[in-house]
Amino acid sequence: MKYLFFLYMLALVLCCGCEHTELDCYEGGSSVYFSKESFQISGDTLRYDTWGVIDGDIKEQTFKLPIYLFGTVTDYDRKIKIRTELCDVDTLRAEVNEDFRPIPTEVILPANSNETYLEIIMLRSEKLKQYNRIFTVVIEENEEFNSEYNWRKDRDGNSYFLGHSMTIIVSENFPKPWWWDWNGVRYFGEWSYLKADLICTLCNIHRTEFIGKTVIPDSKLKYYGKKVQRWLNAQESPYLEEDGTPMVMGEDAQD
């Protein structure tokens, strides 16, 4: 029994000797990696759908992407090198000063800390209404961190670097309200992102209210539908849907 107790205590000490991170325990130098656990994702791709639930007049947001230390905490600051990579597909490629401000090339990991973040200023591009926009941020190896533990091999024996990059897919994903198919069609017609955006803009409705759980009274829905239809009727040229057809509201919104 004493022998078993000794083994138990030895295992406990060894476990406690390694800092808690999202990655397996490793003895050696220090490294840093983008957090996946914070966003409940398993791969290296993050969907940034925040624009879809934010009012259309807001054009800029600050996004903080966590970076964690794996290894030894020091009593001095250390620099993390960052590189930005753009998508090869023209329609999906996020552009600097169009979809995001220039991303810092360095991030400081403060002394006595095991985490920091990369601050990305996101911009609301008009192209988001048609296509998702994609870019990747990469942690580059440098003398401050030993990245030996990051390297893994897949089933084919090819090496890959774990946690060093995060691909961000930016979208204007405006979710259809739960009540639209039940009661919205009669006032607003068929669902489309452009139509929902126009309703919220012209009627001064916050998107969070529009897609929320609260029931919007029929009288308000009818008012919104008629107001938007009158605006559509007043345009010199047809206001078009995503498929190029003229936008029209529901039957109960027609005068």
Protein backbone atom coordinates (compact mmCIF):
# COMPACT_ATOMS: atom_id res chain seq x y z
CA MET A 1 0.00 0.00 0.00
CA LYS A 2 2.82 2.43 0.82
CA TYR A 3 4.34 1.71 -2.59
CA LEU A 4 1.03 2.48 -4.35
CA PHE A 5 0.60 5.63 -2.30
CA PHE A 6 4.12 6.74 -3.30
CA LEU A 7 3.33 6.21 -7.00
CA TYR A 8 0.09 8.16 -6.63
CA MET A 9 1.86 11.11 -5.01
CA LEU A 10 4.59 11.04 -7.64
CA ALA A 11 2.03 11.17 -10.47
CA LEU A 12 0.20 14.02 -8.74
CA VAL A 13 3.39 16.08 -8.43
CA LEU A 14 4.27 15.49 -12.08
CA CYS A 15 0.82 16.59 -13.23
CA CYS A 16 0.90 19.73 -11.13
CA GLY A 17 4.35 20.59 -12.46
CA CYS A 18 2.98 21.34 -15.91
CA GLU A 19 1.00 24.55 -16.46
CA HIS A 20 -2.64 24.17 -17.42
CA THR A 21 -3.26 24.94 -21.07
CA GLU A 22 -5.55 23.71 -23.84
CA LEU A 23 -2.71 21.54 -25.16
CA ASP A 24 -1.02 18.39 -23.88
CA CYS A 25 1.68 18.74 -21.22
CA TYR A 26 5.15 19.32 -22.62
CA GLU A 27 8.51 19.80 -20.96
CA GLY A 28 10.86 22.16 -22.74
CA GLY A 29 10.89 25.77 -23.86
CA SER A 30 7.98 28.15 -24.21
CA SER A 31 5.61 28.74 -27.08
CA VAL A 32 2.36 30.58 -27.82
CA TYR A 33 -0.76 29.63 -29.73
CA PHE A 34 -4.20 30.95 -30.69
CA SER A 35 -6.95 29.76 -28.38
CA LYS A 36 -9.57 27.41 -29.80
CA GLU A 37 -11.34 26.64 -26.55
CA SER A 38 -12.43 30.26 -26.12
CA PHE A 39 -14.54 29.98 -29.28
CA GLN A 40 -15.53 26.32 -28.85
CA ILE A 41 -13.96 25.31 -32.14
CA SER A 42 -11.77 22.30 -32.87
CA GLY A 43 -9.88 23.43 -35.97
CA ASP A 44 -8.02 26.53 -37.10
CA THR A 45 -11.04 28.31 -38.63
CA LEU A 46 -13.20 30.85 -36.81
CA ARG A 47 -16.50 32.26 -38.09
CA TYR A 48 -16.97 35.94 -37.29
CA ASP A 49 -20.75 36.30 -37.69
CA THR A 50 -21.10 39.28 -35.37
CA TRP A 51 -22.03 41.75 -38.10
CA GLY A 52 -25.31 39.93 -38.73
CA VAL A 53 -26.83 40.95 -35.39
CA ILE A 54 -25.45 44.50 -35.30
CA ASP A 55 -27.32 47.48 -36.74
CA GLY A 56 -26.31 48.49 -40.25
CA ASP A 57 -25.04 51.95 -39.26
CA ILE A 58 -22.20 50.46 -37.18
CA LYS A 59 -19.20 50.09 -39.48
CA GLU A 60 -16.31 49.27 -37.14
CA GLN A 61 -15.72 46.81 -34.29
CA THR A 62 -12.74 45.68 -32.24
CA PHE A 63 -12.16 41.94 -32.03
CA LYS A 64 -9.68 40.41 -29.56
CA LEU A 65 -8.21 37.04 -30.52
CA PRO A 66 -6.72 35.34 -27.43
CA ILE A 67 -3.14 34.06 -27.46
CA TYR A 68 -2.01 31.67 -24.71
CA LEU A 69 1.45 30.78 -23.44
CA PHE A 70 2.54 27.17 -23.28
CA GLY A 71 5.55 26.90 -21.03
CA THR A 72 7.40 29.14 -18.60
CA VAL A 73 6.10 32.48 -17.34
CA THR A 74 8.90 35.05 -17.20
CA ASP A 75 9.44 38.29 -15.29
CA TYR A 76 10.03 40.27 -18.50
CA ASP A 77 7.99 41.13 -21.60
CA ARG A 78 8.30 39.00 -24.73
CA LYS A 79 7.40 39.81 -28.34
CA ILE A 80 5.14 37.63 -30.48
CA LYS A 81 5.58 38.06 -34.24
CA ILE A 82 2.37 38.15 -36.33
CA ARG A 83 1.89 37.77 -40.09
CA THR A 84 -1.33 38.33 -42.07
CA GLU A 85 -2.17 36.17 -45.09
CA LEU A 86 -4.91 36.99 -47.59
CA CYS A 87 -7.23 34.55 -49.36
CA ASP A 88 -6.37 33.49 -52.93
CA VAL A 89 -9.99 33.76 -54.14
CA ASP A 90 -10.74 37.31 -55.32
CA THR A 91 -14.38 37.47 -54.20
CA LEU A 92 -13.59 36.00 -50.76
CA ARG A 93 -10.36 37.87 -50.06
CA ALA A 94 -10.62 40.27 -47.12
CA GLU A 95 -8.68 43.45 -47.86
CA VAL A 96 -6.75 45.79 -45.58
CA ASN A 97 -8.62 49.06 -44.90
CA GLU A 98 -11.73 47.57 -46.48
CA ASP A 99 -12.51 44.61 -44.20
CA PHE A 100 -10.01 45.25 -41.39
CA ARG A 101 -7.43 47.82 -40.32
CA PRO A 102 -3.74 46.89 -40.70
CA ILE A 103 -3.07 44.12 -38.19
CA PRO A 104 -0.11 44.60 -35.80
CA THR A 105 3.03 42.68 -36.70
CA GLU A 106 3.95 42.32 -33.03
CA VAL A 107 2.05 41.53 -29.85
CA ILE A 108 3.55 41.80 -26.37
CA LEU A 109 3.21 38.94 -23.90
CA PRO A 110 3.49 40.88 -20.62
CA ALA A 111 5.82 39.85 -17.83
CA ASN A 112 4.32 37.44 -15.27
CA SER A 113 1.46 36.59 -17.62
CA ASN A 114 0.49 33.46 -19.56
CA GLU A 115 -1.94 35.12 -21.99
CA THR A 116 -2.43 38.13 -24.22
CA TYR A 117 -4.48 38.91 -27.32
CA LEU A 118 -4.24 40.12 -30.89
CA GLU A 119 -6.49 43.14 -31.41
CA ILE A 120 -8.13 43.25 -34.84
CA ILE A 121 -10.24 46.22 -35.91
CA MET A 122 -12.93 44.82 -38.20
CA LEU A 123 -14.56 46.98 -40.88
CA ARG A 124 -18.00 46.42 -42.36
CA SER A 125 -17.48 46.04 -46.08
CA GLU A 126 -20.40 46.41 -48.48
CA LYS A 127 -19.18 43.24 -50.17
CA LEU A 128 -20.22 41.26 -47.08
CA LYS A 129 -23.80 41.49 -48.35
CA GLN A 130 -22.78 39.26 -51.26
CA TYR A 131 -19.79 37.21 -50.13
CA ASN A 132 -18.06 36.07 -46.97
CA ARG A 133 -14.59 37.59 -46.56
CA ILE A 134 -11.59 35.53 -45.43
CA PHE A 135 -8.12 36.22 -44.02
CA THR A 136 -5.60 34.39 -41.86
CA VAL A 137 -3.36 35.54 -39.02
CA VAL A 138 -0.19 33.57 -38.33
CA ILE A 139 2.17 33.43 -35.35
CA GLU A 140 5.71 33.36 -36.70
CA GLU A 141 8.51 31.49 -34.98
CA ASN A 142 11.15 33.64 -33.30
CA GLU A 143 13.92 33.47 -30.72
CA GLU A 144 11.57 34.18 -27.82
CA PHE A 145 9.68 30.90 -28.05
CA ASN A 146 10.68 27.31 -28.61
CA SER A 147 8.06 25.96 -31.01
CA GLU A 148 9.40 22.43 -31.23
CA TYR A 149 6.36 20.99 -29.44
CA ASN A 150 3.96 22.55 -32.00
CA TRP A 151 5.09 20.29 -34.79
CA ARG A 152 2.93 17.22 -35.42
CA LYS A 153 2.63 14.67 -38.21
CA ASP A 154 -0.58 13.61 -39.91
CA ARG A 155 -1.42 10.05 -40.95
CA ASP A 156 0.58 10.46 -44.15
CA GLY A 157 3.67 11.61 -42.28
CA ASN A 158 3.37 15.25 -43.34
CA SER A 159 4.43 17.81 -40.75
CA TYR A 160 2.10 20.58 -39.66
CA PHE A 161 2.32 23.32 -37.06
CA LEU A 162 -0.34 23.22 -34.34
CA GLY A 163 -2.08 26.38 -33.16
CA HIS A 164 0.09 28.85 -35.07
CA SER A 165 -2.64 30.21 -37.35
CA MET A 166 -6.29 31.20 -37.30
CA THR A 167 -8.35 31.65 -40.45
CA ILE A 168 -11.20 34.10 -39.89
CA ILE A 169 -14.34 33.92 -42.05
CA VAL A 170 -16.23 37.21 -41.80
CA SER A 171 -19.92 37.24 -42.73
CA GLU A 172 -23.01 39.41 -42.59
CA ASN A 173 -25.15 36.51 -41.43
CA PHE A 174 -28.49 38.15 -40.52
CA PRO A 175 -30.54 35.23 -39.16
CA LYS A 176 -34.18 34.95 -40.20
CA PRO A 177 -36.48 35.82 -37.22
CA TRP A 178 -38.32 32.84 -35.79
CA TRP A 179 -41.70 34.46 -36.54
CA TRP A 180 -41.07 35.32 -40.20
CA ASP A 181 -42.49 32.13 -41.76
CA TRP A 182 -45.28 32.03 -39.19
CA ASN A 183 -46.54 35.61 -39.42
CA GLY A 184 -44.05 37.75 -41.30
CA VAL A 185 -44.70 36.57 -44.86
CA ARG A 186 -48.10 38.28 -45.02
CA TYR A 187 -46.50 41.68 -44.26
CA PHE A 188 -42.97 41.30 -45.63
CA GLY A 189 -43.19 38.60 -48.29
CA GLU A 190 -40.36 36.15 -48.90
CA TRP A 191 -37.30 36.39 -46.66
CA SER A 192 -34.06 37.96 -47.83
CA TYR A 193 -31.14 39.55 -46.06
CA LEU A 194 -31.45 42.78 -48.04
CA LYS A 195 -35.14 43.07 -47.21
CA ALA A 196 -34.59 42.51 -43.48
CA ASP A 197 -31.76 45.05 -43.48
CA LEU A 198 -33.94 47.60 -45.27
CA ILE A 199 -36.84 47.06 -42.82
CA CYS A 200 -34.58 47.60 -39.81
CA THR A 201 -32.93 50.65 -41.39
CA LEU A 202 -36.09 52.46 -42.54
CA CYS A 203 -38.12 51.60 -39.44
CA ASN A 204 -35.30 52.23 -36.96
CA ILE A 205 -35.47 48.71 -35.46
CA HIS A 206 -32.45 47.28 -33.70
CA ARG A 207 -31.48 43.94 -35.19
CA THR A 208 -31.32 42.34 -31.75
CA GLU A 209 -34.99 43.32 -31.26
CA PHE A 210 -35.95 42.15 -34.75
CA ILE A 211 -34.55 38.64 -34.27
CA GLY A 212 -35.24 38.40 -30.53
CA LYS A 213 -37.65 36.10 -28.74
CA THR A 214 -40.19 38.84 -28.04
CA VAL A 215 -43.37 38.70 -30.13
CA ILE A 216 -43.77 41.79 -32.32
CA PRO A 217 -47.49 42.76 -32.52
CA ASP A 218 -49.27 42.42 -35.85
CA SER A 219 -50.06 46.14 -35.83
CA LYS A 220 -46.32 46.95 -35.81
CA LEU A 221 -45.52 44.38 -38.48
CA LYS A 222 -48.21 45.84 -40.72
CA TYR A 223 -46.94 49.37 -40.11
CA TYR A 224 -43.37 48.33 -40.92
CA GLY A 225 -44.47 46.49 -44.07
CA LYS A 226 -46.52 49.41 -45.40
CA LYS A 227 -43.80 51.94 -44.61
CA VAL A 228 -41.17 49.98 -46.52
CA GLN A 229 -43.53 49.29 -49.45
CA ARG A 230 -44.31 53.02 -49.78
CA TRP A 231 -40.57 53.73 -49.76
CA LEU A 232 -40.05 51.13 -52.49
CA ASN A 233 -42.87 52.67 -54.55
CA ALA A 234 -41.26 56.11 -54.28
CA GLN A 235 -37.92 55.04 -55.80
CA GLU A 236 -37.16 56.22 -59.33
CA SER A 237 -35.72 52.82 -60.24
CA PRO A 238 -36.67 49.46 -58.67
CA TYR A 239 -34.85 48.50 -55.49
CA LEU A 240 -33.54 45.04 -56.30
CA GLU A 241 -33.34 41.82 -54.32
CA GLU A 242 -30.22 39.67 -54.18
CA ASP A 243 -31.36 37.77 -57.26
CA GLY A 244 -31.90 40.96 -59.27
CA THR A 245 -35.70 41.04 -59.06
CA PRO A 246 -37.57 44.10 -57.74
CA MET A 247 -38.16 43.96 -53.98
CA VAL A 248 -41.79 43.77 -52.88
CA MET A 249 -43.39 43.43 -49.46
CA GLY A 250 -46.19 41.04 -48.45
CA GLU A 251 -49.84 41.09 -49.53
CA ASP A 252 -51.06 42.74 -46.32
CA ALA A 253 -48.59 45.62 -46.78
CA GLN A 254 -49.99 46.70 -50.12
CA ASP A 255 -52.20 49.84 -50.22
